[in-house]
Amino acid sequence: MIGALFPLLRPALHGLDAEHAHNLTVRALSLMPPRTPPADDSRLAVEAFGRRFPNPVGLAAGFDKGAQAADALLGFGFGFVEVGGVVPKPQPGNPRPRVFRLPRDRAVINRFGLNSAGLDVVADRLRARAGRPGIVGVNIGANKEAVDRLADYVACTGRLAPLVDFVTVNVSSPNTPGLRDLQGEAFLDDLLARVVATRDAASARIGSEKAAILLKIAPDVTLDALDAICATAVRRGVQALVVSNTTVARPASLAETALAGETGGLSGRPLFSASTRMLAETYLRVGDRLPLVGVGGVDSAETAWTKIRAGASLLQLYSALVYEGPGLVGTIKRGLVERMRAEELSSLADVVGRDAKALAREA
């Protein structure tokens, strides 16, 4: 019903400050009872990092930062939901205003700064939904003022890994000073080794299935840095790479020039080209050794299909929901099935990475 009503609700929501509208939406979703989404076409099922996803369309981190509405969101038909980012100690993030809609560009700029209710609150909420169906992961980071950022990631992993299907290590947010520096090879190697060991110990302690460890990277890294990131991820036993986070770049094509100068990470349609090129470059480096989650500018079945051709086994979206509403999830899934039917394909795995070389060359 919310999906059907969204065209009517959108003018009212967009008449509000972007963050206020977002908070109201999450609050409303948190009050909804869990519901079972319609069954997906079996051709959309994806096997990745030990899980069977009913479809490849996931919700990216940042929408449900506090793990308040995961079940309601799964009810919209997402194949999986990633909550967070979460940091150990509660922190307010950057001063408001800190999120801006760019409607003519179908984009968003945010500089939230990993505002978080903190580890205790999120862990309690995830524990409360234990046993419910649906694949849920959590995105983790470090407090802005942390003296030992590695310890922050370890603390989040130890508490949250037993409660979720996957943990995404976020070292690529542009809104926490110095965080992207953690993508450097030496620190990343140590970080991933500690996170994987902590996940293993937490799983052994309570006898739970091991959560997968994912690594989220920026679209702005150099190809030399990408070489090192991919090699380190494979060596340290990461189960998937998420490509990519928001960008600090500002394409010359942006129509909302007055807002383009706002500091923060740009997401949405203008990110599609750069993130898809980075996705394709990543696929060329890891092949079938690691599944990839394609993020950035997914707002239609066509863009979703292109991400898969570039190397994505799974997809995530967020910014497009601001403009298209939750009905977009079903639209993308129907479009993917139509593409598969037209090409007489029985599995999306037949498409993953098939055009990575060509897409990597596209600027």
Foldseek 3Di string as FASTA:
>chain_A
DCLVCVVVCQVVLVVDQVVVSLVVVLVVLLPDDADAADQADCQQWFDFPNDIFSHQEEADEDSAAQLRHQRSLVNLVGSAYEYHAAWAAADQADDPPAKDDQVVQLKIFGQRHRHHNHQVRSLVSLVVCPPPDHAYEYEYFYHLPDPDRLVRLLVNLLRPFLRHQAYEYEQAFPNRPPSVVCLDQPNVLVSLLSSVVSQVVSCVVVVGDGHAYEYEHALPDDLVSLLSSLVSCLVSRHAEYEQHDFDQDQDPPRPPVVCSPDGGGMAAQVFLLSSLLVLLSNCVNCPPSHAYEGEGHPQALVSVLSSQLSAHSHYHYDSNCSPNNSVSSVRNSVSVVVVCVVVVHSHSVVRGNNCSVVSNPGD
